[in-house]
Amino acid sequence: GQQAKYGGTLRVAFEADVTGFDPAVPGLQNYYVNQNLFNTLVTLDENLGFVPDLAESWDVQEQGKVYLFHLRRGVRFHDGTDFDAAAVKWNLDRIMADDKAPAHRFFANVESLEVLDAHTLKIIMRYPTTTLLSALATNGTGLHIISPASENLG
């Protein structure tokens, strides 16, 4: 093998323009870019099992009607603001309110969200389900977490 060469320019070509960096805005090019920019609460490992990303762990209660997410500490957004349960709630509220967002339909079963403390979010479902983790982790259409302080991602 050759020695690694650091630096230089990486050029990427798409068949259309990237219209912005907001994961709530549909578009195939946006999907390609945003899946590499933003993290999710839960992701998939090489065996397609659910593993923590921005969540350190979670508890499933009441046969899948209640989920408690325990969030990573010390995480900051690109703008320097802290990642916390309020930010996750803001992201979920935003996606659930926007029926044009690609992930909107995956969260139709969410009844309510409750910030228990800075690093714990409670999600209550309308009925027990095993699909919430899939919705949070699905590459490209899952819940990409952005900073609530982000004014313009376009």
Foldseek 3Di string as FASTA:
>chain_A
DDDDDDDDDDDDDDPDDQPFQDLQADDPVNLVPNLVVFDFQWAADPVRDIAGDQFNDWDAPPQAQKIKTFGDPPDAAPVGHGDWLVQLQVLVVVLCVDPSGLLNVLCPQWDDWDRPDRGMIMTGGVDGDPSLSVQRHPRSRHRGGHGPPDDGGD
